[in-house]
Amino acid sequence: MVSKKGKRKMFATLKFILASQLKRSQSARNLSGFTLIELLVAIIIAALVITPLLGFAIDILQTDRREQAKATTEQELQAALDYIARDLQQAVYIYDEQGLTEINNTGLNAATRSGIRNQIPPMAGTTGCDNTTTTCQPILVFWKRQHLDRQQVGNLNIASLTRNDGTYDDAFIYSLVGYYLIEENNGLWSDETARIGRFEIRDGIRNPNATATRTEGTTTVKYDLLPSQGFSNFDLSVSGSNLGQKLNQWTKHPDSYNTNVNILVDYIDQNAPTPTCPVGMSPTQSASDLEGGFYACVNTPDNTIAQVYLRGNALARIQQDTDNVDRDEASTYFPTATMQIQRKGFLNID
């Protein structure tokens, strides 16, 4: 049996253990975390601080995106305009509105009211611009005298231009070049904008000793470098005012074109501006026929100078449905570029 003294000692020990456990439990409860009210207050404070910061960060990102879209569009417009200018400087004749909108050699005044509309794409169709693509519209079409340097001639291995020492002579050929406003994208280009396409067919280099041949009318012609399919030369025996009449009566070779209309630049605005041409110049397409932000003016009757106008659509890079956007209010997102170019090419008339 346990004595009274032993019992008192055992109860004292148990009391000590229980008191220690209660203190430890209370301390654990005091350090276990926040109350619900404390958590709610913390969340509200965090939201008040973080929300403006997030909005500020998003605004910075959106501003950077807009500025990048504008800068990219401006750079692409200028690059395209520079390319067209270099091309156009080699021109020997630039078609005006009559040349681009009249059907070739039809009607009562076929000789004086004639054009090449049905001789070039889209009416005489090719890949990228055919008669089913109603919004493939010729804007700037011209003949140019193209220089082939010795390296190009050598790469083409043109026998008639080979020297005795194995080097090559330069050569000049005539090309018909067209720049088009195109709206269909075929899934490859932007949905909300138009684009500019380029088409070119060139002459060949004749050599009576060559093996490559092409039938031209009733004659078989031999070539070191065959012309592009559909290419037909024009009468080089005329100049001055008669040249325009001859070129407006130009007809293609019976062969179908196999030259693609290649895209030069995308994100051209689809909304057509009213053409504004300098004094003495007229647009190559009437305002009612224009489909988008690419047009050209030509001085008539000389057809020696062209002014090219481009308007891009940077807004389409960052949002959809830009058709109803006011172009004047949002002009910074619709950058423009214009340049006036005088042709420097000349006809080599024997």
C-alpha atoms as a PDB file:
ATOM      1  CA  MET A   1       0.000   0.000   0.000  1.00  0.00           C
ATOM      2  CA  VAL A   2       1.031   3.542  -0.810  1.00  0.00           C
ATOM      3  CA  SER A   3       1.523   5.792   2.106  1.00  0.00           C
ATOM      4  CA  LYS A   4      -0.112   9.188   2.369  1.00  0.00           C
ATOM      5  CA  LYS A   5       3.240  10.777   1.833  1.00  0.00           C
ATOM      6  CA  GLY A   6       3.736   8.819  -1.399  1.00  0.00           C
ATOM      7  CA  LYS A   7       0.291   9.780  -2.655  1.00  0.00           C
ATOM      8  CA  ARG A   8       0.989  13.453  -2.055  1.00  0.00           C
ATOM      9  CA  LYS A   9       4.253  13.198  -3.987  1.00  0.00           C
ATOM     10  CA  MET A  10       2.538  11.393  -6.925  1.00  0.00           C
ATOM     11  CA  PHE A  11      -0.253  14.038  -7.127  1.00  0.00           C
ATOM     12  CA  ALA A  12       2.335  16.808  -7.062  1.00  0.00           C
ATOM     13  CA  THR A  13       4.165  15.205  -9.955  1.00  0.00           C
ATOM     14  CA  LEU A  14       0.967  14.837 -12.012  1.00  0.00           C
ATOM     15  CA  LYS A  15       0.005  18.428 -11.262  1.00  0.00           C
ATOM     16  CA  PHE A  16       3.407  19.603 -12.438  1.00  0.00           C
ATOM     17  CA  ILE A  17       3.145  17.605 -15.700  1.00  0.00           C
ATOM     18  CA  LEU A  18      -0.380  18.894 -16.459  1.00  0.00           C
ATOM     19  CA  ALA A  19       0.598  22.492 -15.788  1.00  0.00           C
ATOM     20  CA  SER A  20       3.582  22.160 -18.122  1.00  0.00           C
ATOM     21  CA  GLN A  21       1.420  20.699 -20.884  1.00  0.00           C
ATOM     22  CA  LEU A  22      -1.189  23.448 -20.515  1.00  0.00           C
ATOM     23  CA  LYS A  23       1.448  26.169 -20.803  1.00  0.00           C
ATOM     24  CA  ARG A  24       2.976  24.473 -23.883  1.00  0.00           C
ATOM     25  CA  SER A  25      -0.442  24.137 -25.518  1.00  0.00           C
ATOM     26  CA  GLN A  26      -1.270  27.788 -24.870  1.00  0.00           C
ATOM     27  CA  SER A  27       2.073  28.848 -26.332  1.00  0.00           C
ATOM     28  CA  ALA A  28       1.451  26.697 -29.426  1.00  0.00           C
ATOM     29  CA  ARG A  29      -1.995  28.254 -29.897  1.00  0.00           C
ATOM     30  CA  ASN A  30      -0.483  31.726 -29.638  1.00  0.00           C
ATOM     31  CA  LEU A  31       2.089  30.917 -32.389  1.00  0.00           C
ATOM     32  CA  SER A  32      -0.105  28.805 -34.707  1.00  0.00           C
ATOM     33  CA  GLY A  33      -1.031  31.599 -37.317  1.00  0.00           C
ATOM     34  CA  PHE A  34      -3.326  34.536 -38.181  1.00  0.00           C
ATOM     35  CA  THR A  35      -6.964  34.901 -37.440  1.00  0.00           C
ATOM     36  CA  LEU A  36      -9.517  35.100 -40.254  1.00  0.00           C
ATOM     37  CA  ILE A  37      -9.938  38.842 -39.788  1.00  0.00           C
ATOM     38  CA  GLU A  38      -6.195  39.343 -39.973  1.00  0.00           C
ATOM     39  CA  LEU A  39      -6.063  37.352 -43.211  1.00  0.00           C
ATOM     40  CA  LEU A  40      -8.924  39.364 -44.761  1.00  0.00           C
ATOM     41  CA  VAL A  41      -7.261  42.652 -43.858  1.00  0.00           C
ATOM     42  CA  ALA A  42      -3.964  41.458 -45.332  1.00  0.00           C
ATOM     43  CA  ILE A  43      -5.658  40.372 -48.574  1.00  0.00           C
ATOM     44  CA  ILE A  44      -7.432  43.729 -48.963  1.00  0.00           C
ATOM     45  CA  ILE A  45      -4.219  45.668 -48.392  1.00  0.00           C
ATOM     46  CA  ALA A  46      -2.346  43.449 -50.861  1.00  0.00           C
ATOM     47  CA  ALA A  47      -5.069  43.930 -53.476  1.00  0.00           C
ATOM     48  CA  LEU A  48      -4.978  47.708 -53.039  1.00  0.00           C
ATOM     49  CA  VAL A  49      -1.218  47.707 -53.577  1.00  0.00           C
ATOM     50  CA  ILE A  50      -0.801  45.003 -56.231  1.00  0.00           C
ATOM     51  CA  THR A  51      -3.756  45.886 -58.526  1.00  0.00           C
ATOM     52  CA  PRO A  52      -2.406  49.322 -59.563  1.00  0.00           C
ATOM     53  CA  LEU A  53       1.044  47.821 -60.039  1.00  0.00           C
ATOM     54  CA  LEU A  54      -0.347  45.095 -62.303  1.00  0.00           C
ATOM     55  CA  GLY A  55      -2.356  47.664 -64.266  1.00  0.00           C
ATOM     56  CA  PHE A  56       0.734  49.791 -64.671  1.00  0.00           C
ATOM     57  CA  ALA A  57       2.780  46.816 -65.872  1.00  0.00           C
ATOM     58  CA  ILE A  58       0.081  45.755 -68.347  1.00  0.00           C
ATOM     59  CA  ASP A  59      -0.177  49.325 -69.655  1.00  0.00           C
ATOM     60  CA  ILE A  60       3.585  49.428 -70.205  1.00  0.00           C
ATOM     61  CA  LEU A  61       3.469  46.130 -72.104  1.00  0.00           C
ATOM     62  CA  GLN A  62       0.548  47.292 -74.271  1.00  0.00           C
ATOM     63  CA  THR A  63       2.227  50.618 -75.007  1.00  0.00           C
ATOM     64  CA  ASP A  64       5.422  48.820 -75.978  1.00  0.00           C
ATOM     65  CA  ARG A  65       3.432  46.484 -78.226  1.00  0.00           C
ATOM     66  CA  ARG A  66       1.694  49.408 -79.950  1.00  0.00           C
ATOM     67  CA  GLU A  67       4.942  51.290 -80.455  1.00  0.00           C
ATOM     68  CA  GLN A  68       6.605  48.176 -81.847  1.00  0.00           C
ATOM     69  CA  ALA A  69       3.696  47.656 -84.269  1.00  0.00           C
ATOM     70  CA  LYS A  70       3.928  51.263 -85.446  1.00  0.00           C
ATOM     71  CA  ALA A  71       7.701  51.144 -85.855  1.00  0.00           C
ATOM     72  CA  THR A  72       7.584  47.848 -87.757  1.00  0.00           C
ATOM     73  CA  THR A  73       4.868  49.105 -90.101  1.00  0.00           C
ATOM     74  CA  GLU A  74       6.725  52.360 -90.784  1.00  0.00           C
ATOM     75  CA  GLN A  75       9.962  50.509 -91.522  1.00  0.00           C
ATOM     76  CA  GLU A  76       8.248  48.060 -93.869  1.00  0.00           C
ATOM     77  CA  LEU A  77       6.465  50.871 -95.731  1.00  0.00           C
ATOM     78  CA  GLN A  78       9.693  52.771 -96.253  1.00  0.00           C
ATOM     79  CA  ALA A  79      11.553  49.647 -97.370  1.00  0.00           C
ATOM     80  CA  ALA A  80       8.794  48.827 -99.879  1.00  0.00           C
ATOM     81  CA  LEU A  81       8.769  52.397-101.176  1.00  0.00           C
ATOM     82  CA  ASP A  82      12.546  52.379-101.619  1.00  0.00           C
ATOM     83  CA  TYR A  83      12.317  49.087-103.521  1.00  0.00           C
ATOM     84  CA  ILE A  84       9.622  50.436-105.839  1.00  0.00           C
ATOM     85  CA  ALA A  85      11.632  53.624-106.395  1.00  0.00           C
ATOM     86  CA  ARG A  86      14.765  51.728-107.424  1.00  0.00           C
ATOM     87  CA  ASP A  87      12.661  49.597-109.763  1.00  0.00           C
ATOM     88  CA  LEU A  88      10.852  52.562-111.256  1.00  0.00           C
ATOM     89  CA  GLN A  89      14.015  54.534-111.950  1.00  0.00           C
ATOM     90  CA  GLN A  90      14.852  51.999-114.671  1.00  0.00           C
ATOM     91  CA  ALA A  91      11.487  52.542-116.393  1.00  0.00           C
ATOM     92  CA  VAL A  92      11.220  53.581-120.033  1.00  0.00           C
ATOM     93  CA  TYR A  93       7.432  53.995-119.966  1.00  0.00           C
ATOM     94  CA  ILE A  94       4.832  54.182-117.172  1.00  0.00           C
ATOM     95  CA  TYR A  95       1.182  53.324-117.840  1.00  0.00           C
ATOM     96  CA  ASP A  96      -1.467  55.862-116.893  1.00  0.00           C
ATOM     97  CA  GLU A  97      -5.133  55.228-116.111  1.00  0.00           C
ATOM     98  CA  GLN A  98      -6.068  54.697-119.760  1.00  0.00           C
ATOM     99  CA  GLY A  99      -3.341  52.099-120.189  1.00  0.00           C
ATOM    100  CA  LEU A 100      -4.430  50.147-117.085  1.00  0.00           C
ATOM    101  CA  THR A 101      -8.222  50.347-117.418  1.00  0.00           C
ATOM    102  CA  GLU A 102      -8.883  50.099-121.158  1.00  0.00           C
ATOM    103  CA  ILE A 103      -9.306  46.746-122.908  1.00  0.00           C
ATOM    104  CA  ASN A 104      -6.740  46.115-125.619  1.00  0.00           C
ATOM    105  CA  ASN A 105      -7.688  47.087-129.187  1.00  0.00           C
ATOM    106  CA  THR A 106     -11.472  47.052-128.848  1.00  0.00           C
ATOM    107  CA  GLY A 107     -14.275  49.507-129.537  1.00  0.00           C
ATOM    108  CA  LEU A 108     -14.621  52.260-132.082  1.00  0.00           C
ATOM    109  CA  ASN A 109     -11.374  54.070-131.329  1.00  0.00           C
ATOM    110  CA  ALA A 110      -9.158  51.072-130.739  1.00  0.00           C
ATOM    111  CA  ALA A 111      -5.999  52.848-131.869  1.00  0.00           C
ATOM    112  CA  THR A 112      -6.386  55.837-129.559  1.00  0.00           C
ATOM    113  CA  ARG A 113      -8.418  54.297-126.715  1.00  0.00           C
ATOM    114  CA  SER A 114      -6.497  51.142-126.005  1.00  0.00           C
ATOM    115  CA  GLY A 115      -4.900  49.641-122.929  1.00  0.00           C
ATOM    116  CA  ILE A 116      -3.381  46.475-121.510  1.00  0.00           C
ATOM    117  CA  ARG A 117      -6.019  45.589-118.917  1.00  0.00           C
ATOM    118  CA  ASN A 118      -6.816  42.223-120.520  1.00  0.00           C
ATOM    119  CA  GLN A 119      -3.146  41.475-121.274  1.00  0.00           C
ATOM    120  CA  ILE A 120      -1.895  41.435-117.685  1.00  0.00           C
ATOM    121  CA  PRO A 121      -3.104  39.880-114.418  1.00  0.00           C
ATOM    122  CA  PRO A 122      -5.748  39.510-113.140  1.00  0.00           C
ATOM    123  CA  MET A 123      -7.612  39.233-116.487  1.00  0.00           C
ATOM    124  CA  ALA A 124      -4.699  37.325-117.989  1.00  0.00           C
ATOM    125  CA  GLY A 125      -4.266  35.451-114.748  1.00  0.00           C
ATOM    126  CA  THR A 126      -1.311  33.914-113.009  1.00  0.00           C
ATOM    127  CA  THR A 127      -0.567  32.395-109.611  1.00  0.00           C
ATOM    128  CA  GLY A 128      -1.367  34.919-106.900  1.00  0.00           C
ATOM    129  CA  CYS A 129      -3.481  37.134-109.164  1.00  0.00           C
ATOM    130  CA  ASP A 130      -6.044  35.667-111.525  1.00  0.00           C
ATOM    131  CA  ASN A 131      -9.491  36.529-112.854  1.00  0.00           C
ATOM    132  CA  THR A 132     -11.141  34.908-109.822  1.00  0.00           C
ATOM    133  CA  THR A 133      -9.241  37.246-107.483  1.00  0.00           C
ATOM    134  CA  THR A 134     -11.398  40.322-107.952  1.00  0.00           C
ATOM    135  CA  THR A 135      -9.406  42.453-105.534  1.00  0.00           C
ATOM    136  CA  CYS A 136      -6.044  41.911-107.230  1.00  0.00           C
ATOM    137  CA  GLN A 137      -5.781  45.380-108.751  1.00  0.00           C
ATOM    138  CA  PRO A 138      -2.942  46.766-110.937  1.00  0.00           C
ATOM    139  CA  ILE A 139      -1.767  50.081-109.515  1.00  0.00           C
ATOM    140  CA  LEU A 140       1.629  50.730-111.079  1.00  0.00           C
ATOM    141  CA  VAL A 141       2.734  49.068-114.328  1.00  0.00           C
ATOM    142  CA  PHE A 142       5.739  50.034-116.430  1.00  0.00           C
ATOM    143  CA  TRP A 143       8.346  48.849-118.896  1.00  0.00           C
ATOM    144  CA  LYS A 144      11.958  49.013-117.795  1.00  0.00           C
ATOM    145  CA  ARG A 145      15.364  48.437-119.333  1.00  0.00           C
ATOM    146  CA  GLN A 146      17.015  45.960-117.004  1.00  0.00           C
ATOM    147  CA  HIS A 147      20.771  45.625-116.669  1.00  0.00           C
ATOM    148  CA  LEU A 148      22.317  42.166-116.321  1.00  0.00           C
ATOM    149  CA  ASP A 149      25.880  42.495-115.066  1.00  0.00           C
ATOM    150  CA  ARG A 150      28.681  40.080-115.918  1.00  0.00           C
ATOM    151  CA  GLN A 151      28.136  37.965-112.832  1.00  0.00           C
ATOM    152  CA  GLN A 152      24.435  37.506-113.613  1.00  0.00           C
ATOM    153  CA  VAL A 153      25.256  36.680-117.238  1.00  0.00           C
ATOM    154  CA  GLY A 154      27.865  34.192-116.053  1.00  0.00           C
ATOM    155  CA  ASN A 155      25.451  32.567-113.602  1.00  0.00           C
ATOM    156  CA  LEU A 156      23.001  32.164-116.487  1.00  0.00           C
ATOM    157  CA  ASN A 157      25.825  30.801-118.673  1.00  0.00           C
ATOM    158  CA  ILE A 158      24.767  32.811-121.722  1.00  0.00           C
ATOM    159  CA  ALA A 159      26.926  31.532-124.575  1.00  0.00           C
ATOM    160  CA  SER A 160      26.471  34.493-126.944  1.00  0.00           C
ATOM    161  CA  LEU A 161      27.877  36.865-124.314  1.00  0.00           C
ATOM    162  CA  THR A 162      30.945  34.738-123.470  1.00  0.00           C
ATOM    163  CA  ARG A 163      34.324  36.265-124.285  1.00  0.00           C
ATOM    164  CA  ASN A 164      37.346  34.347-125.543  1.00  0.00           C
ATOM    165  CA  ASP A 165      38.954  34.545-122.117  1.00  0.00           C
ATOM    166  CA  GLY A 166      35.918  32.921-120.488  1.00  0.00           C
ATOM    167  CA  THR A 167      34.526  36.111-118.948  1.00  0.00           C
ATOM    168  CA  TYR A 168      31.167  37.614-119.898  1.00  0.00           C
ATOM    169  CA  ASP A 169      29.747  40.801-121.325  1.00  0.00           C
ATOM    170  CA  ASP A 170      26.987  42.822-119.703  1.00  0.00           C
ATOM    171  CA  ALA A 171      23.512  42.678-121.214  1.00  0.00           C
ATOM    172  CA  PHE A 172      20.298  44.707-121.251  1.00  0.00           C
ATOM    173  CA  ILE A 173      16.823  43.278-121.550  1.00  0.00           C
ATOM    174  CA  TYR A 174      13.348  44.794-121.352  1.00  0.00           C
ATOM    175  CA  SER A 175      10.897  43.786-118.635  1.00  0.00           C
ATOM    176  CA  LEU A 176       7.244  44.485-117.930  1.00  0.00           C
ATOM    177  CA  VAL A 177       6.752  45.127-114.197  1.00  0.00           C
ATOM    178  CA  GLY A 178       3.474  45.454-112.317  1.00  0.00           C
ATOM    179  CA  TYR A 179       2.703  46.324-108.700  1.00  0.00           C
ATOM    180  CA  TYR A 180      -0.677  45.134-107.409  1.00  0.00           C
ATOM    181  CA  LEU A 181      -2.981  45.797-104.478  1.00  0.00           C
ATOM    182  CA  ILE A 182      -4.173  42.413-103.171  1.00  0.00           C
ATOM    183  CA  GLU A 183      -6.711  41.723-100.431  1.00  0.00           C
ATOM    184  CA  GLU A 184      -7.142  37.927-100.353  1.00  0.00           C
ATOM    185  CA  ASN A 185      -4.764  36.290 -97.869  1.00  0.00           C
ATOM    186  CA  ASN A 186      -5.270  32.557 -98.510  1.00  0.00           C
ATOM    187  CA  GLY A 187      -4.440  31.927 -94.863  1.00  0.00           C
ATOM    188  CA  LEU A 188      -0.832  33.118 -95.302  1.00  0.00           C
ATOM    189  CA  TRP A 189      -1.205  36.830 -94.603  1.00  0.00           C
ATOM    190  CA  SER A 190      -3.025  39.208 -92.273  1.00  0.00           C
ATOM    191  CA  ASP A 191      -6.832  39.035 -92.190  1.00  0.00           C
ATOM    192  CA  GLU A 192      -7.583  42.721 -91.660  1.00  0.00           C
ATOM    193  CA  THR A 193      -5.304  44.323 -94.254  1.00  0.00           C
ATOM    194  CA  ALA A 194      -4.260  44.309 -97.894  1.00  0.00           C
ATOM    195  CA  ARG A 195      -0.812  43.760 -99.339  1.00  0.00           C
ATOM    196  CA  ILE A 196       1.309  44.749-102.342  1.00  0.00           C
ATOM    197  CA  GLY A 197       2.390  42.145-104.872  1.00  0.00           C
ATOM    198  CA  ARG A 198       4.962  42.385-107.646  1.00  0.00           C
ATOM    199  CA  PHE A 199       4.784  40.795-111.100  1.00  0.00           C
ATOM    200  CA  GLU A 200       7.550  40.788-113.724  1.00  0.00           C
ATOM    201  CA  ILE A 201       8.074  39.192-117.102  1.00  0.00           C
ATOM    202  CA  ARG A 202      11.261  39.744-119.072  1.00  0.00           C
ATOM    203  CA  ASP A 203      12.650  39.364-122.548  1.00  0.00           C
ATOM    204  CA  GLY A 204      15.224  36.724-123.442  1.00  0.00           C
ATOM    205  CA  ILE A 205      18.614  36.894-125.194  1.00  0.00           C
ATOM    206  CA  ARG A 206      18.533  35.776-128.791  1.00  0.00           C
ATOM    207  CA  ASN A 207      21.259  33.740-130.468  1.00  0.00           C
ATOM    208  CA  PRO A 208      20.823  32.204-133.938  1.00  0.00           C
ATOM    209  CA  ASN A 209      23.166  29.395-132.909  1.00  0.00           C
ATOM    210  CA  ALA A 210      21.319  28.513-129.724  1.00  0.00           C
ATOM    211  CA  THR A 211      19.301  25.326-129.247  1.00  0.00           C
ATOM    212  CA  ALA A 212      16.407  26.705-127.160  1.00  0.00           C
ATOM    213  CA  THR A 213      13.568  27.927-129.371  1.00  0.00           C
ATOM    214  CA  ARG A 214      10.201  29.655-129.102  1.00  0.00           C
ATOM    215  CA  THR A 215       7.503  30.179-131.688  1.00  0.00           C
ATOM    216  CA  GLU A 216       6.645  33.840-132.217  1.00  0.00           C
ATOM    217  CA  GLY A 217       3.866  34.253-134.747  1.00  0.00           C
ATOM    218  CA  THR A 218       4.972  32.234-137.745  1.00  0.00           C
ATOM    219  CA  THR A 219       8.664  32.402-136.828  1.00  0.00           C
ATOM    220  CA  THR A 220      10.791  30.154-134.667  1.00  0.00           C
ATOM    221  CA  VAL A 221      13.292  32.198-132.667  1.00  0.00           C
ATOM    222  CA  LYS A 222      16.381  30.758-130.977  1.00  0.00           C
ATOM    223  CA  TYR A 223      17.462  31.923-127.546  1.00  0.00           C
ATOM    224  CA  ASP A 224      20.392  31.554-125.192  1.00  0.00           C
ATOM    225  CA  LEU A 225      18.054  32.840-122.460  1.00  0.00           C
ATOM    226  CA  LEU A 226      14.371  32.177-123.113  1.00  0.00           C
ATOM    227  CA  PRO A 227      11.874  34.969-122.370  1.00  0.00           C
ATOM    228  CA  SER A 228       9.368  34.622-119.568  1.00  0.00           C
ATOM    229  CA  GLN A 229       6.232  32.800-120.610  1.00  0.00           C
ATOM    230  CA  GLY A 230       3.736  35.312-121.952  1.00  0.00           C
ATOM    231  CA  PHE A 231       6.380  37.919-122.743  1.00  0.00           C
ATOM    232  CA  SER A 232       6.101  39.655-126.091  1.00  0.00           C
ATOM    233  CA  ASN A 233       8.377  42.472-127.146  1.00  0.00           C
ATOM    234  CA  PHE A 234       7.156  45.889-128.233  1.00  0.00           C
ATOM    235  CA  ASP A 235       8.048  47.878-131.330  1.00  0.00           C
ATOM    236  CA  LEU A 236      11.381  49.589-130.602  1.00  0.00           C
ATOM    237  CA  SER A 237      11.282  51.542-133.879  1.00  0.00           C
ATOM    238  CA  VAL A 238       8.966  54.191-132.405  1.00  0.00           C
ATOM    239  CA  SER A 239       9.572  56.877-129.821  1.00  0.00           C
ATOM    240  CA  GLY A 240       7.971  59.998-128.397  1.00  0.00           C
ATOM    241  CA  SER A 241       4.197  60.251-128.495  1.00  0.00           C
ATOM    242  CA  ASN A 242       3.880  57.171-130.704  1.00  0.00           C
ATOM    243  CA  LEU A 243       5.555  54.995-128.083  1.00  0.00           C
ATOM    244  CA  GLY A 244       2.671  55.373-125.649  1.00  0.00           C
ATOM    245  CA  GLN A 245       0.159  54.406-128.325  1.00  0.00           C
ATOM    246  CA  LYS A 246       2.223  51.356-129.255  1.00  0.00           C
ATOM    247  CA  LEU A 247       2.608  50.228-125.652  1.00  0.00           C
ATOM    248  CA  ASN A 248      -1.088  50.734-124.933  1.00  0.00           C
ATOM    249  CA  GLN A 249      -1.694  48.309-127.793  1.00  0.00           C
ATOM    250  CA  TRP A 250       0.795  45.761-126.486  1.00  0.00           C
ATOM    251  CA  THR A 251      -0.415  42.162-126.536  1.00  0.00           C
ATOM    252  CA  LYS A 252       1.100  39.274-124.643  1.00  0.00           C
ATOM    253  CA  HIS A 253       2.518  36.107-126.177  1.00  0.00           C
ATOM    254  CA  PRO A 254      -0.099  33.329-126.523  1.00  0.00           C
ATOM    255  CA  ASP A 255       1.634  31.284-123.805  1.00  0.00           C
ATOM    256  CA  SER A 256       0.027  31.552-120.392  1.00  0.00           C
ATOM    257  CA  TYR A 257       1.966  33.316-117.673  1.00  0.00           C
ATOM    258  CA  ASN A 258       3.886  31.112-115.260  1.00  0.00           C
ATOM    259  CA  THR A 259       5.335  33.970-113.204  1.00  0.00           C
ATOM    260  CA  ASN A 260       3.877  34.395-109.726  1.00  0.00           C
ATOM    261  CA  VAL A 261       2.736  37.664-108.228  1.00  0.00           C
ATOM    262  CA  ASN A 262       5.009  37.748-105.180  1.00  0.00           C
ATOM    263  CA  ILE A 263       4.151  39.681-102.022  1.00  0.00           C
ATOM    264  CA  LEU A 264       6.354  42.700-101.391  1.00  0.00           C
ATOM    265  CA  VAL A 265       4.784  44.024 -98.173  1.00  0.00           C
ATOM    266  CA  ASP A 266       1.823  43.170 -95.920  1.00  0.00           C
ATOM    267  CA  TYR A 267      -0.333  45.293 -93.573  1.00  0.00           C
ATOM    268  CA  ILE A 268      -1.429  47.811 -96.188  1.00  0.00           C
ATOM    269  CA  ASP A 269      -4.643  49.559 -95.148  1.00  0.00           C
ATOM    270  CA  GLN A 270      -7.792  48.201 -96.824  1.00  0.00           C
ATOM    271  CA  ASN A 271      -9.670  51.506 -96.632  1.00  0.00           C
ATOM    272  CA  ALA A 272      -8.955  53.508 -99.771  1.00  0.00           C
ATOM    273  CA  PRO A 273      -7.988  57.179 -99.383  1.00  0.00           C
ATOM    274  CA  THR A 274      -9.047  59.749-101.969  1.00  0.00           C
ATOM    275  CA  PRO A 275      -6.097  60.053-104.390  1.00  0.00           C
ATOM    276  CA  THR A 276      -4.369  63.405-104.133  1.00  0.00           C
ATOM    277  CA  CYS A 277      -2.045  63.967-107.078  1.00  0.00           C
ATOM    278  CA  PRO A 278       0.270  66.926-107.775  1.00  0.00           C
ATOM    279  CA  VAL A 279      -0.653  69.376-110.514  1.00  0.00           C
ATOM    280  CA  GLY A 280      -0.134  67.814-113.923  1.00  0.00           C
ATOM    281  CA  MET A 281      -0.447  64.245-112.629  1.00  0.00           C
ATOM    282  CA  SER A 282      -3.424  61.875-112.558  1.00  0.00           C
ATOM    283  CA  PRO A 283      -4.112  58.669-110.584  1.00  0.00           C
ATOM    284  CA  THR A 284      -3.688  55.380-112.428  1.00  0.00           C
ATOM    285  CA  GLN A 285      -6.969  54.180-110.903  1.00  0.00           C
ATOM    286  CA  SER A 286     -10.054  56.302-110.244  1.00  0.00           C
ATOM    287  CA  ALA A 287     -11.047  56.894-106.623  1.00  0.00           C
ATOM    288  CA  SER A 288     -14.211  54.820-107.067  1.00  0.00           C
ATOM    289  CA  ASP A 289     -12.146  51.807-108.151  1.00  0.00           C
ATOM    290  CA  LEU A 290      -9.469  51.950-105.460  1.00  0.00           C
ATOM    291  CA  GLU A 291      -9.616  49.176-102.860  1.00  0.00           C
ATOM    292  CA  GLY A 292      -6.968  50.220-100.335  1.00  0.00           C
ATOM    293  CA  GLY A 293      -4.049  52.379 -99.262  1.00  0.00           C
ATOM    294  CA  PHE A 294      -1.828  52.051-102.333  1.00  0.00           C
ATOM    295  CA  TYR A 295      -2.147  54.304-105.344  1.00  0.00           C
ATOM    296  CA  ALA A 296       0.061  55.981-107.920  1.00  0.00           C
ATOM    297  CA  CYS A 297      -0.089  59.181-109.969  1.00  0.00           C
ATOM    298  CA  VAL A 298       1.509  59.614-113.395  1.00  0.00           C
ATOM    299  CA  ASN A 299       2.214  62.784-115.366  1.00  0.00           C
ATOM    300  CA  THR A 300       0.418  62.701-118.680  1.00  0.00           C
ATOM    301  CA  PRO A 301       0.989  62.743-121.579  1.00  0.00           C
ATOM    302  CA  ASP A 302       4.753  62.365-120.954  1.00  0.00           C
ATOM    303  CA  ASN A 303       4.443  59.331-118.648  1.00  0.00           C
ATOM    304  CA  THR A 304       7.904  59.982-117.227  1.00  0.00           C
ATOM    305  CA  ILE A 305       7.183  60.652-113.534  1.00  0.00           C
ATOM    306  CA  ALA A 306       5.222  58.646-110.986  1.00  0.00           C
ATOM    307  CA  GLN A 307       4.251  59.496-107.427  1.00  0.00           C
ATOM    308  CA  VAL A 308       3.618  56.466-105.212  1.00  0.00           C
ATOM    309  CA  TYR A 309       1.510  56.638-102.038  1.00  0.00           C
ATOM    310  CA  LEU A 310       1.309  53.943 -99.344  1.00  0.00           C
ATOM    311  CA  ARG A 311      -0.750  53.781 -96.133  1.00  0.00           C
ATOM    312  CA  GLY A 312      -0.136  51.014 -93.640  1.00  0.00           C
ATOM    313  CA  ASN A 313      -2.321  49.604 -90.873  1.00  0.00           C
ATOM    314  CA  ALA A 314      -0.294  49.029 -87.704  1.00  0.00           C
ATOM    315  CA  LEU A 315      -3.424  48.656 -85.604  1.00  0.00           C
ATOM    316  CA  ALA A 316      -4.262  45.381 -87.352  1.00  0.00           C
ATOM    317  CA  ARG A 317      -1.112  43.884 -85.859  1.00  0.00           C
ATOM    318  CA  ILE A 318      -2.541  44.169 -82.338  1.00  0.00           C
ATOM    319  CA  GLN A 319      -6.328  44.003 -82.754  1.00  0.00           C
ATOM    320  CA  GLN A 320      -9.053  42.808 -85.108  1.00  0.00           C
ATOM    321  CA  ASP A 321     -11.813  44.738 -86.864  1.00  0.00           C
ATOM    322  CA  THR A 322     -10.116  48.005 -87.792  1.00  0.00           C
ATOM    323  CA  ASP A 323     -12.474  48.883 -90.651  1.00  0.00           C
ATOM    324  CA  ASN A 324     -14.553  51.311 -88.568  1.00  0.00           C
ATOM    325  CA  VAL A 325     -11.618  53.058 -86.900  1.00  0.00           C
ATOM    326  CA  ASP A 326     -11.395  56.779 -87.722  1.00  0.00           C
ATOM    327  CA  ARG A 327      -8.178  57.112 -89.740  1.00  0.00           C
ATOM    328  CA  ASP A 328      -7.770  60.783 -88.829  1.00  0.00           C
ATOM    329  CA  GLU A 329      -8.157  60.306 -85.080  1.00  0.00           C
ATOM    330  CA  ALA A 330      -5.908  57.239 -85.051  1.00  0.00           C
ATOM    331  CA  SER A 331      -3.512  58.509 -87.729  1.00  0.00           C
ATOM    332  CA  THR A 332      -0.466  57.421 -85.738  1.00  0.00           C
ATOM    333  CA  TYR A 333      -1.532  53.787 -86.313  1.00  0.00           C
ATOM    334  CA  PHE A 334      -1.997  54.354 -90.055  1.00  0.00           C
ATOM    335  CA  PRO A 335       1.413  55.649 -91.162  1.00  0.00           C
ATOM    336  CA  THR A 336       1.831  56.909 -94.709  1.00  0.00           C
ATOM    337  CA  ALA A 337       4.769  57.132 -97.075  1.00  0.00           C
ATOM    338  CA  THR A 338       5.000  58.837-100.439  1.00  0.00           C
ATOM    339  CA  MET A 339       7.719  59.413-103.002  1.00  0.00           C
ATOM    340  CA  GLN A 340       7.927  60.947-106.461  1.00  0.00           C
ATOM    341  CA  ILE A 341      10.204  59.135-108.907  1.00  0.00           C
ATOM    342  CA  GLN A 342      11.353  60.162-112.356  1.00  0.00           C
ATOM    343  CA  ARG A 343      12.251  57.376-114.730  1.00  0.00           C
ATOM    344  CA  LYS A 344      15.844  57.279-115.938  1.00  0.00           C
ATOM    345  CA  GLY A 345      15.633  54.352-118.326  1.00  0.00           C
ATOM    346  CA  PHE A 346      15.865  54.867-122.049  1.00  0.00           C
ATOM    347  CA  LEU A 347      15.054  52.926-125.178  1.00  0.00           C
ATOM    348  CA  ASN A 348      17.892  51.429-127.154  1.00  0.00           C
ATOM    349  CA  ILE A 349      16.565  52.226-130.639  1.00  0.00           C
ATOM    350  CA  ASP A 350      18.778  51.099-133.508  1.00  0.00           C
END
